Amino acid sequence: MKLPRTAHTSHDWLLHDITHDFALEDVWALPTPGGPDDFPRLLSTFFERDFVSQANLPTRFLWAARWKLGALLGWDKEKDGLGTRVRTLRDRLPAELRDLSVGPEVGPPFSTLYTRENEWAAEMANRTVHGILHLSWVPDGRGGYRGQMAVLVRPNGRWGSAYMAAIKPFRYLIVYPQLLRWWERHWDRRATTPA
């Protein structure tokens, strides 16, 4: 379920301290009900599964088309990524946090920024945007907890802004609904699978 911006901004996330020049693009409630200590379970579900390979045909097509188009137009060259076109946000973290283990890696194109008790963040960059994926564990307002996902972006000029506007309908109509169903399916399996 799509949430208002305040569902993300009202929390005291470390991410707020390092993303003053990013726009909050989306906030979503994940269908992952649980208890106060289930954030590691949320992360392991995310890292152990491959969303794209298990998604429906339209989603897989969009993913493949994006990578093909990126290759043809040179959007994803190493010179346009983290540490080259843009500095990693790890450089903005307090020194004591920069020295800590960043935690699990989700894999390209994302690179983990940090992992804390109830939040995880990763970043990616290419010629179009510098983006952040933020997963967190929040009270659900009914005595339980659930996962929450936020996406933040800093478009690369007018072209980056045009790119974000162009993909928005596809994200809302195809990708996000499929992603939420994926979370629900894998969360339910983990909940009912014996240890």
N, C-alpha and C. Protein backbone atom coordinates (compact mmCIF):
# COMPACT_ATOMS: atom_id res chain seq x y z
N MET A 1 0.84 -1.17 0.00
CA MET A 1 0.00 0.00 0.00
C MET A 1 0.90 1.25 0.00
N LYS A 2 0.60 2.20 -0.88
CA LYS A 2 1.34 3.45 -0.93
C LYS A 2 0.99 4.27 0.31
N LEU A 3 1.99 4.90 0.87
CA LEU A 3 1.82 5.67 2.11
C LEU A 3 2.14 7.14 1.86
N PRO A 4 1.63 8.02 2.73
CA PRO A 4 2.02 9.43 2.63
C PRO A 4 3.49 9.61 2.98
N ARG A 5 4.07 10.70 2.53
CA ARG A 5 5.49 10.98 2.78
C ARG A 5 5.83 10.96 4.28
N THR A 6 4.87 11.39 5.10
CA THR A 6 5.13 11.47 6.54
C THR A 6 5.39 10.11 7.17
N ALA A 7 4.96 9.03 6.51
CA ALA A 7 5.24 7.70 7.05
C ALA A 7 6.74 7.45 7.09
N HIS A 8 7.48 8.13 6.23
CA HIS A 8 8.94 8.03 6.23
C HIS A 8 9.57 9.19 7.00
N THR A 9 9.10 10.40 6.72
CA THR A 9 9.76 11.58 7.28
C THR A 9 9.54 11.75 8.79
N SER A 10 8.49 11.14 9.33
CA SER A 10 8.21 11.30 10.77
C SER A 10 9.11 10.44 11.65
N HIS A 11 9.87 9.52 11.06
CA HIS A 11 10.79 8.68 11.84
C HIS A 11 12.17 9.32 11.89
N ASP A 12 12.89 8.99 12.92
CA ASP A 12 14.23 9.55 13.11
C ASP A 12 15.28 8.65 12.45
N TRP A 13 15.18 8.49 11.14
CA TRP A 13 16.11 7.62 10.42
C TRP A 13 17.47 8.31 10.26
N LEU A 14 18.52 7.54 10.32
CA LEU A 14 19.86 8.04 10.02
C LEU A 14 19.89 8.60 8.59
N LEU A 15 19.11 8.02 7.71
CA LEU A 15 19.10 8.43 6.31
C LEU A 15 18.81 9.92 6.14
N HIS A 16 17.96 10.49 7.01
CA HIS A 16 17.62 11.91 6.90
C HIS A 16 18.88 12.80 6.98
N ASP A 17 19.86 12.35 7.75
CA ASP A 17 21.06 13.16 7.98
C ASP A 17 21.96 13.24 6.75
N ILE A 18 21.79 12.32 5.80
CA ILE A 18 22.73 12.28 4.67
C ILE A 18 22.04 12.47 3.31
N THR A 19 20.74 12.78 3.32
CA THR A 19 20.02 12.88 2.04
C THR A 19 19.28 14.21 1.88
N HIS A 20 19.85 15.28 2.38
CA HIS A 20 19.20 16.60 2.29
C HIS A 20 18.98 17.06 0.85
N ASP A 21 19.76 16.56 -0.10
CA ASP A 21 19.64 16.97 -1.49
C ASP A 21 18.94 15.92 -2.36
N PHE A 22 18.23 14.99 -1.73
CA PHE A 22 17.47 13.96 -2.43
C PHE A 22 15.98 14.21 -2.26
N ALA A 23 15.20 13.76 -3.23
CA ALA A 23 13.74 13.86 -3.14
C ALA A 23 13.17 12.50 -2.75
N LEU A 24 12.21 12.52 -1.85
CA LEU A 24 11.52 11.29 -1.46
C LEU A 24 10.51 10.96 -2.56
N GLU A 25 10.76 9.89 -3.28
CA GLU A 25 9.94 9.53 -4.44
C GLU A 25 8.72 8.72 -4.04
N ASP A 26 8.91 7.70 -3.22
CA ASP A 26 7.83 6.78 -2.86
C ASP A 26 8.02 6.25 -1.45
N VAL A 27 6.90 5.94 -0.78
CA VAL A 27 6.91 5.24 0.50
C VAL A 27 5.82 4.18 0.42
N TRP A 28 6.16 2.94 0.75
CA TRP A 28 5.22 1.82 0.66
C TRP A 28 5.23 1.00 1.94
N ALA A 29 4.04 0.59 2.38
CA ALA A 29 3.92 -0.39 3.46
C ALA A 29 4.09 -1.77 2.85
N LEU A 30 4.93 -2.58 3.44
CA LEU A 30 5.14 -3.94 2.94
C LEU A 30 4.21 -4.90 3.68
N PRO A 31 3.65 -5.87 2.97
CA PRO A 31 2.73 -6.83 3.61
C PRO A 31 3.52 -7.89 4.39
N THR A 32 4.17 -7.45 5.46
CA THR A 32 5.08 -8.30 6.22
C THR A 32 4.81 -8.15 7.71
N PRO A 33 3.64 -8.56 8.19
CA PRO A 33 3.33 -8.37 9.61
C PRO A 33 4.26 -9.20 10.49
N GLY A 34 4.61 -8.62 11.64
CA GLY A 34 5.49 -9.35 12.54
C GLY A 34 5.59 -8.68 13.88
N GLY A 35 6.60 -9.11 14.63
CA GLY A 35 6.85 -8.57 15.96
C GLY A 35 8.00 -7.59 15.94
N PRO A 36 8.35 -7.05 17.10
CA PRO A 36 9.37 -6.00 17.16
C PRO A 36 10.77 -6.45 16.73
N ASP A 37 11.04 -7.75 16.76
CA ASP A 37 12.39 -8.23 16.46
C ASP A 37 12.51 -8.90 15.09
N ASP A 38 11.56 -8.66 14.20
CA ASP A 38 11.55 -9.36 12.91
C ASP A 38 12.26 -8.62 11.77
N PHE A 39 12.94 -7.52 12.05
CA PHE A 39 13.63 -6.83 10.96
C PHE A 39 14.69 -7.70 10.29
N PRO A 40 15.50 -8.46 11.03
CA PRO A 40 16.45 -9.35 10.36
C PRO A 40 15.76 -10.34 9.41
N ARG A 41 14.58 -10.79 9.78
CA ARG A 41 13.82 -11.69 8.91
C ARG A 41 13.41 -10.98 7.62
N LEU A 42 13.03 -9.70 7.74
CA LEU A 42 12.69 -8.92 6.55
C LEU A 42 13.89 -8.83 5.61
N LEU A 43 15.06 -8.52 6.16
CA LEU A 43 16.25 -8.41 5.33
C LEU A 43 16.63 -9.74 4.71
N SER A 44 16.56 -10.82 5.48
CA SER A 44 16.95 -12.11 4.90
C SER A 44 15.99 -12.53 3.79
N THR A 45 14.71 -12.21 3.93
CA THR A 45 13.76 -12.49 2.85
C THR A 45 14.17 -11.73 1.59
N PHE A 46 14.53 -10.47 1.76
CA PHE A 46 14.91 -9.62 0.63
C PHE A 46 16.19 -10.12 -0.03
N PHE A 47 17.19 -10.51 0.76
CA PHE A 47 18.48 -10.89 0.21
C PHE A 47 18.51 -12.31 -0.35
N GLU A 48 17.66 -13.19 0.17
CA GLU A 48 17.69 -14.59 -0.25
C GLU A 48 16.86 -14.86 -1.51
N ARG A 49 16.06 -13.91 -1.93
CA ARG A 49 15.14 -14.13 -3.06
C ARG A 49 15.50 -13.21 -4.21
N ASP A 50 15.16 -13.64 -5.41
CA ASP A 50 15.39 -12.83 -6.60
C ASP A 50 14.05 -12.38 -7.15
N PHE A 51 13.70 -11.13 -6.84
CA PHE A 51 12.40 -10.61 -7.25
C PHE A 51 12.20 -10.67 -8.75
N VAL A 52 13.18 -10.23 -9.52
CA VAL A 52 13.00 -10.10 -10.96
C VAL A 52 12.74 -11.45 -11.62
N SER A 53 13.51 -12.48 -11.26
CA SER A 53 13.33 -13.78 -11.91
C SER A 53 11.99 -14.43 -11.56
N GLN A 54 11.38 -14.00 -10.44
CA GLN A 54 10.12 -14.59 -10.02
C GLN A 54 8.92 -13.69 -10.33
N ALA A 55 9.18 -12.55 -10.97
CA ALA A 55 8.11 -11.61 -11.27
C ALA A 55 7.33 -12.07 -12.49
N ASN A 56 6.20 -11.40 -12.74
CA ASN A 56 5.38 -11.74 -13.91
C ASN A 56 6.07 -11.27 -15.19
N LEU A 57 5.54 -11.69 -16.32
CA LEU A 57 6.15 -11.39 -17.61
C LEU A 57 6.29 -9.89 -17.88
N PRO A 58 5.25 -9.06 -17.64
CA PRO A 58 5.43 -7.63 -17.89
C PRO A 58 6.58 -7.01 -17.07
N THR A 59 6.72 -7.43 -15.82
CA THR A 59 7.79 -6.89 -14.99
C THR A 59 9.15 -7.33 -15.50
N ARG A 60 9.28 -8.62 -15.85
CA ARG A 60 10.55 -9.11 -16.38
C ARG A 60 10.89 -8.41 -17.69
N PHE A 61 9.87 -8.16 -18.52
CA PHE A 61 10.09 -7.45 -19.78
C PHE A 61 10.59 -6.03 -19.53
N LEU A 62 9.96 -5.32 -18.57
CA LEU A 62 10.39 -3.96 -18.27
C LEU A 62 11.84 -3.93 -17.77
N TRP A 63 12.18 -4.89 -16.92
CA TRP A 63 13.54 -4.95 -16.38
C TRP A 63 14.53 -5.17 -17.52
N ALA A 64 14.24 -6.14 -18.38
CA ALA A 64 15.14 -6.46 -19.49
C ALA A 64 15.24 -5.27 -20.46
N ALA A 65 14.10 -4.62 -20.73
CA ALA A 65 14.10 -3.47 -21.64
C ALA A 65 14.92 -2.33 -21.07
N ARG A 66 14.81 -2.10 -19.75
CA ARG A 66 15.58 -1.02 -19.12
C ARG A 66 17.08 -1.28 -19.26
N TRP A 67 17.52 -2.51 -19.00
CA TRP A 67 18.95 -2.80 -19.09
C TRP A 67 19.45 -2.75 -20.53
N LYS A 68 18.63 -3.19 -21.47
CA LYS A 68 19.00 -3.14 -22.88
C LYS A 68 19.11 -1.69 -23.34
N LEU A 69 18.11 -0.88 -22.98
CA LEU A 69 18.14 0.53 -23.33
C LEU A 69 19.33 1.24 -22.68
N GLY A 70 19.59 0.91 -21.43
CA GLY A 70 20.74 1.49 -20.73
C GLY A 70 22.05 1.15 -21.41
N ALA A 71 22.17 -0.09 -21.90
CA ALA A 71 23.38 -0.50 -22.61
C ALA A 71 23.51 0.26 -23.94
N LEU A 72 22.40 0.38 -24.66
CA LEU A 72 22.43 1.07 -25.96
C LEU A 72 22.76 2.56 -25.82
N LEU A 73 22.22 3.20 -24.77
CA LEU A 73 22.40 4.64 -24.58
C LEU A 73 23.55 4.99 -23.63
N GLY A 74 24.21 3.97 -23.09
CA GLY A 74 25.36 4.20 -22.22
C GLY A 74 25.02 4.76 -20.86
N TRP A 75 23.82 4.44 -20.34
CA TRP A 75 23.41 4.99 -19.05
C TRP A 75 24.15 4.39 -17.86
N ASP A 76 24.63 3.16 -18.01
CA ASP A 76 25.12 2.41 -16.86
C ASP A 76 26.63 2.18 -16.88
N LYS A 77 27.35 3.04 -17.55
CA LYS A 77 28.80 2.89 -17.60
C LYS A 77 29.41 3.16 -16.23
N GLU A 78 30.53 2.51 -15.97
CA GLU A 78 31.18 2.63 -14.68
C GLU A 78 31.53 4.09 -14.36
N LYS A 79 31.88 4.86 -15.37
CA LYS A 79 32.26 6.26 -15.15
C LYS A 79 31.09 7.12 -14.66
N ASP A 80 29.86 6.61 -14.79
CA ASP A 80 28.68 7.34 -14.34
C ASP A 80 28.14 6.84 -13.00
N GLY A 81 28.84 5.91 -12.38
CA GLY A 81 28.34 5.28 -11.16
C GLY A 81 28.89 5.88 -9.88
N LEU A 82 28.75 5.11 -8.82
CA LEU A 82 29.23 5.53 -7.50
C LEU A 82 30.74 5.64 -7.49
N GLY A 83 31.24 6.68 -6.86
CA GLY A 83 32.68 6.86 -6.75
C GLY A 83 33.30 7.51 -7.97
N THR A 84 32.52 7.71 -9.01
CA THR A 84 33.04 8.38 -10.21
C THR A 84 32.20 9.62 -10.50
N ARG A 85 31.01 9.47 -11.11
CA ARG A 85 30.15 10.63 -11.35
C ARG A 85 29.64 11.22 -10.04
N VAL A 86 29.29 10.37 -9.11
CA VAL A 86 28.81 10.83 -7.80
C VAL A 86 29.59 10.15 -6.68
N ARG A 87 29.74 10.88 -5.59
CA ARG A 87 30.39 10.31 -4.42
C ARG A 87 29.39 9.45 -3.66
N THR A 88 29.88 8.37 -3.08
CA THR A 88 29.01 7.53 -2.27
C THR A 88 28.55 8.30 -1.03
N LEU A 89 27.32 8.03 -0.63
CA LEU A 89 26.79 8.67 0.57
C LEU A 89 27.46 8.14 1.84
N ARG A 90 28.21 7.08 1.74
CA ARG A 90 28.97 6.61 2.92
C ARG A 90 29.91 7.71 3.41
N ASP A 91 30.36 8.56 2.48
CA ASP A 91 31.25 9.65 2.87
C ASP A 91 30.55 10.66 3.78
N ARG A 92 29.21 10.68 3.75
CA ARG A 92 28.46 11.62 4.59
C ARG A 92 28.13 11.04 5.97
N LEU A 93 28.35 9.77 6.15
CA LEU A 93 28.05 9.15 7.44
C LEU A 93 29.04 9.63 8.50
N PRO A 94 28.62 9.68 9.76
CA PRO A 94 29.57 9.98 10.82
C PRO A 94 30.72 8.97 10.79
N ALA A 95 31.92 9.43 11.16
CA ALA A 95 33.11 8.59 11.06
C ALA A 95 32.94 7.26 11.77
N GLU A 96 32.29 7.27 12.94
CA GLU A 96 32.15 6.02 13.70
C GLU A 96 31.26 5.01 12.96
N LEU A 97 30.33 5.49 12.14
CA LEU A 97 29.48 4.58 11.37
C LEU A 97 30.15 4.14 10.07
N ARG A 98 31.00 4.99 9.50
CA ARG A 98 31.71 4.63 8.28
C ARG A 98 32.62 3.43 8.51
N ASP A 99 33.13 3.30 9.71
CA ASP A 99 34.07 2.23 10.01
C ASP A 99 33.39 0.91 10.33
N LEU A 100 32.07 0.94 10.55
CA LEU A 100 31.34 -0.28 10.86
C LEU A 100 31.10 -1.10 9.60
N SER A 101 30.87 -2.38 9.78
CA SER A 101 30.47 -3.23 8.66
C SER A 101 29.16 -2.70 8.10
N VAL A 102 29.06 -2.63 6.77
CA VAL A 102 27.85 -2.07 6.17
C VAL A 102 26.69 -3.04 6.19
N GLY A 103 26.96 -4.32 6.35
CA GLY A 103 25.87 -5.30 6.38
C GLY A 103 25.71 -6.01 5.05
N PRO A 104 24.60 -6.71 4.89
CA PRO A 104 24.42 -7.54 3.70
C PRO A 104 24.30 -6.71 2.42
N GLU A 105 24.78 -7.29 1.33
CA GLU A 105 24.71 -6.66 0.01
C GLU A 105 23.58 -7.28 -0.79
N VAL A 106 22.81 -6.43 -1.45
CA VAL A 106 21.72 -6.92 -2.29
C VAL A 106 22.23 -7.24 -3.69
N GLY A 107 23.34 -6.67 -4.09
CA GLY A 107 23.92 -6.92 -5.40
C GLY A 107 23.62 -5.80 -6.38
N PRO A 108 24.35 -5.82 -7.51
CA PRO A 108 24.22 -4.74 -8.49
C PRO A 108 22.77 -4.53 -8.91
N PRO A 109 22.40 -3.28 -9.14
CA PRO A 109 23.25 -2.07 -9.16
C PRO A 109 23.40 -1.40 -7.80
N PHE A 110 22.84 -1.99 -6.74
CA PHE A 110 22.87 -1.35 -5.43
C PHE A 110 24.09 -1.73 -4.62
N SER A 111 24.52 -0.80 -3.78
CA SER A 111 25.61 -1.01 -2.84
C SER A 111 25.11 -0.58 -1.46
N THR A 112 25.25 -1.46 -0.47
CA THR A 112 24.74 -1.16 0.87
C THR A 112 25.49 0.02 1.49
N LEU A 113 24.71 0.93 2.08
CA LEU A 113 25.27 2.08 2.80
C LEU A 113 25.49 1.74 4.26
N TYR A 114 24.46 1.20 4.90
CA TYR A 114 24.55 0.85 6.32
C TYR A 114 23.38 -0.05 6.69
N THR A 115 23.57 -0.74 7.82
CA THR A 115 22.50 -1.53 8.43
C THR A 115 22.46 -1.18 9.90
N ARG A 116 21.25 -0.87 10.39
CA ARG A 116 21.06 -0.60 11.81
C ARG A 116 19.97 -1.52 12.34
N GLU A 117 19.63 -1.35 13.59
CA GLU A 117 18.68 -2.25 14.25
C GLU A 117 17.34 -2.33 13.52
N ASN A 118 16.87 -1.22 12.97
CA ASN A 118 15.56 -1.24 12.32
C ASN A 118 15.53 -0.51 10.97
N GLU A 119 16.71 -0.32 10.36
CA GLU A 119 16.75 0.28 9.02
C GLU A 119 17.98 -0.19 8.26
N TRP A 120 17.81 -0.27 6.95
CA TRP A 120 18.89 -0.63 6.02
C TRP A 120 18.76 0.28 4.82
N ALA A 121 19.89 0.73 4.29
CA ALA A 121 19.86 1.60 3.11
C ALA A 121 20.94 1.18 2.12
N ALA A 122 20.60 1.29 0.85
CA ALA A 122 21.54 1.02 -0.23
C ALA A 122 21.40 2.11 -1.28
N GLU A 123 22.46 2.32 -2.05
CA GLU A 123 22.44 3.36 -3.07
C GLU A 123 22.89 2.79 -4.41
N MET A 124 22.52 3.49 -5.46
CA MET A 124 22.98 3.18 -6.81
C MET A 124 23.08 4.49 -7.58
N ALA A 125 23.90 4.49 -8.61
CA ALA A 125 24.01 5.68 -9.45
C ALA A 125 24.29 5.27 -10.88
N ASN A 126 23.72 6.00 -11.80
CA ASN A 126 24.02 5.85 -13.22
C ASN A 126 23.89 7.22 -13.86
N ARG A 127 23.81 7.28 -15.17
CA ARG A 127 23.78 8.58 -15.84
C ARG A 127 22.47 9.33 -15.59
N THR A 128 21.41 8.61 -15.20
CA THR A 128 20.11 9.27 -15.02
C THR A 128 19.87 9.75 -13.60
N VAL A 129 20.22 8.95 -12.59
CA VAL A 129 19.90 9.29 -11.20
C VAL A 129 20.95 8.75 -10.24
N HIS A 130 20.91 9.31 -9.03
CA HIS A 130 21.54 8.72 -7.86
C HIS A 130 20.37 8.33 -6.98
N GLY A 131 20.18 7.05 -6.73
CA GLY A 131 19.00 6.58 -6.02
C GLY A 131 19.33 5.84 -4.74
N ILE A 132 18.35 5.82 -3.83
CA ILE A 132 18.49 5.14 -2.55
C ILE A 132 17.27 4.28 -2.31
N LEU A 133 17.51 3.06 -1.86
CA LEU A 133 16.46 2.15 -1.41
C LEU A 133 16.60 2.04 0.10
N HIS A 134 15.51 2.29 0.83
CA HIS A 134 15.53 2.26 2.29
C HIS A 134 14.47 1.28 2.78
N LEU A 135 14.88 0.28 3.52
CA LEU A 135 13.96 -0.66 4.16
C LEU A 135 14.00 -0.41 5.66
N SER A 136 12.83 -0.45 6.28
CA SER A 136 12.76 -0.20 7.72
C SER A 136 11.70 -1.07 8.35
N TRP A 137 11.69 -1.08 9.67
CA TRP A 137 10.76 -1.88 10.45
C TRP A 137 10.04 -0.94 11.40
N VAL A 138 8.72 -0.81 11.23
CA VAL A 138 7.97 0.22 11.94
C VAL A 138 6.72 -0.36 12.63
N PRO A 139 6.24 0.29 13.70
CA PRO A 139 4.96 -0.13 14.29
C PRO A 139 3.85 0.05 13.26
N ASP A 140 2.89 -0.91 13.26
CA ASP A 140 1.82 -0.85 12.26
C ASP A 140 0.56 -0.13 12.75
N GLY A 141 0.59 0.39 13.99
CA GLY A 141 -0.57 1.11 14.52
C GLY A 141 -1.62 0.21 15.14
N ARG A 142 -1.40 -1.12 15.09
CA ARG A 142 -2.36 -2.08 15.64
C ARG A 142 -1.69 -3.02 16.65
N GLY A 143 -0.55 -2.61 17.18
CA GLY A 143 0.15 -3.41 18.17
C GLY A 143 1.21 -4.31 17.59
N GLY A 144 1.34 -4.35 16.27
CA GLY A 144 2.37 -5.16 15.62
C GLY A 144 3.36 -4.28 14.87
N TYR A 145 4.12 -4.93 14.00
CA TYR A 145 5.13 -4.24 13.21
C TYR A 145 5.03 -4.71 11.76
N ARG A 146 5.64 -3.95 10.86
CA ARG A 146 5.68 -4.32 9.45
C ARG A 146 6.87 -3.64 8.79
N GLY A 147 7.20 -4.14 7.62
CA GLY A 147 8.26 -3.51 6.83
C GLY A 147 7.74 -2.29 6.11
N GLN A 148 8.66 -1.40 5.80
CA GLN A 148 8.33 -0.20 5.03
C GLN A 148 9.48 0.05 4.06
N MET A 149 9.14 0.47 2.85
CA MET A 149 10.14 0.72 1.82
C MET A 149 10.01 2.16 1.34
N ALA A 150 11.12 2.85 1.27
CA ALA A 150 11.15 4.20 0.72
C ALA A 150 12.19 4.27 -0.39
N VAL A 151 11.89 5.08 -1.40
CA VAL A 151 12.80 5.30 -2.52
C VAL A 151 13.07 6.79 -2.59
N LEU A 152 14.35 7.15 -2.59
CA LEU A 152 14.75 8.55 -2.70
C LEU A 152 15.63 8.70 -3.95
N VAL A 153 15.53 9.83 -4.61
CA VAL A 153 16.32 10.04 -5.83
C VAL A 153 16.87 11.45 -5.91
N ARG A 154 17.98 11.55 -6.60
CA ARG A 154 18.53 12.83 -7.02
C ARG A 154 18.77 12.69 -8.52
N PRO A 155 17.84 13.21 -9.33
CA PRO A 155 17.99 13.09 -10.79
C PRO A 155 19.24 13.83 -11.28
N ASN A 156 19.82 13.31 -12.35
CA ASN A 156 20.98 13.94 -12.96
C ASN A 156 20.50 14.92 -14.03
N GLY A 157 20.21 16.14 -13.63
CA GLY A 157 19.79 17.18 -14.55
C GLY A 157 18.40 16.97 -15.12
N ARG A 158 18.11 17.70 -16.20
CA ARG A 158 16.78 17.60 -16.81
C ARG A 158 16.52 16.23 -17.38
N TRP A 159 17.57 15.61 -17.94
CA TRP A 159 17.39 14.28 -18.51
C TRP A 159 17.00 13.28 -17.42
N GLY A 160 17.62 13.37 -16.27
CA GLY A 160 17.27 12.48 -15.16
C GLY A 160 15.85 12.70 -14.68
N SER A 161 15.43 13.95 -14.62
CA SER A 161 14.05 14.26 -14.21
C SER A 161 13.05 13.73 -15.23
N ALA A 162 13.37 13.87 -16.52
CA ALA A 162 12.49 13.35 -17.58
C ALA A 162 12.41 11.83 -17.50
N TYR A 163 13.54 11.19 -17.22
CA TYR A 163 13.57 9.73 -17.08
C TYR A 163 12.67 9.28 -15.94
N MET A 164 12.77 9.94 -14.79
CA MET A 164 11.95 9.56 -13.64
C MET A 164 10.46 9.75 -13.95
N ALA A 165 10.12 10.83 -14.64
CA ALA A 165 8.72 11.06 -15.02
C ALA A 165 8.23 10.00 -15.99
N ALA A 166 9.09 9.59 -16.92
CA ALA A 166 8.70 8.60 -17.93
C ALA A 166 8.45 7.22 -17.33
N ILE A 167 9.22 6.85 -16.32
CA ILE A 167 9.06 5.49 -15.77
C ILE A 167 8.01 5.42 -14.66
N LYS A 168 7.54 6.56 -14.18
CA LYS A 168 6.60 6.56 -13.05
C LYS A 168 5.35 5.72 -13.31
N PRO A 169 4.67 5.84 -14.45
CA PRO A 169 3.47 5.00 -14.66
C PRO A 169 3.78 3.50 -14.62
N PHE A 170 4.93 3.12 -15.16
CA PHE A 170 5.30 1.71 -15.18
C PHE A 170 5.58 1.20 -13.76
N ARG A 171 6.22 2.05 -12.96
CA ARG A 171 6.49 1.66 -11.58
C ARG A 171 5.18 1.45 -10.82
N TYR A 172 4.23 2.39 -10.97
CA TYR A 172 2.99 2.32 -10.21
C TYR A 172 2.03 1.26 -10.71
N LEU A 173 1.97 1.07 -12.00
CA LEU A 173 0.99 0.12 -12.57
C LEU A 173 1.50 -1.31 -12.64
N ILE A 174 2.81 -1.50 -12.76
CA ILE A 174 3.33 -2.85 -12.97
C ILE A 174 4.30 -3.28 -11.88
N VAL A 175 5.37 -2.50 -11.69
CA VAL A 175 6.47 -2.96 -10.82
C VAL A 175 6.07 -3.01 -9.35
N TYR A 176 5.56 -1.92 -8.79
CA TYR A 176 5.25 -1.92 -7.36
C TYR A 176 4.16 -2.93 -6.98
N PRO A 177 3.05 -3.03 -7.72
CA PRO A 177 2.06 -4.06 -7.35
C PRO A 177 2.66 -5.47 -7.36
N GLN A 178 3.50 -5.75 -8.35
CA GLN A 178 4.14 -7.06 -8.42
C GLN A 178 5.11 -7.27 -7.25
N LEU A 179 5.85 -6.21 -6.90
CA LEU A 179 6.79 -6.29 -5.78
C LEU A 179 6.06 -6.56 -4.46
N LEU A 180 4.93 -5.90 -4.25
CA LEU A 180 4.17 -6.11 -3.01
C LEU A 180 3.62 -7.53 -2.94
N ARG A 181 3.16 -8.07 -4.06
CA ARG A 181 2.70 -9.46 -4.08
C ARG A 181 3.85 -10.42 -3.80
N TRP A 182 5.02 -10.09 -4.34
CA TRP A 182 6.22 -10.91 -4.10
C TRP A 182 6.56 -10.93 -2.61
N TRP A 183 6.56 -9.77 -1.97
CA TRP A 183 6.83 -9.71 -0.53
C TRP A 183 5.83 -10.56 0.25
N GLU A 184 4.55 -10.40 -0.07
CA GLU A 184 3.51 -11.13 0.65
C GLU A 184 3.68 -12.62 0.48
N ARG A 185 3.93 -13.08 -0.72
CA ARG A 185 4.09 -14.51 -1.01
C ARG A 185 5.27 -15.10 -0.24
N HIS A 186 6.41 -14.43 -0.27
CA HIS A 186 7.59 -14.97 0.39
C HIS A 186 7.54 -14.79 1.90
N TRP A 187 6.89 -13.76 2.37
CA TRP A 187 6.75 -13.57 3.82
C TRP A 187 5.85 -14.65 4.40
N ASP A 188 4.74 -14.95 3.72
CA ASP A 188 3.84 -16.01 4.18
C ASP A 188 4.52 -17.37 4.20
N ARG A 189 5.32 -17.65 3.19
CA ARG A 189 6.04 -18.94 3.15
C ARG A 189 6.99 -19.06 4.32
N ARG A 190 7.73 -17.99 4.61
CA ARG A 190 8.68 -18.05 5.72
C ARG A 190 7.95 -18.20 7.04
N ALA A 191 6.78 -17.59 7.15
CA ALA A 191 6.01 -17.66 8.40
C ALA A 191 5.48 -19.04 8.64
N THR A 192 5.20 -19.79 7.56
CA THR A 192 4.58 -21.11 7.74
C THR A 192 5.58 -22.26 7.56
N THR A 193 6.82 -21.97 7.20
CA THR A 193 7.83 -23.02 7.03
C THR A 193 8.45 -23.36 8.37
N PRO A 194 8.45 -24.66 8.75
CA PRO A 194 9.07 -25.02 10.03
C PRO A 194 10.55 -24.70 10.04
N ALA A 195 11.08 -24.36 11.19
CA ALA A 195 12.52 -24.04 11.31
C ALA A 195 13.32 -25.30 11.11
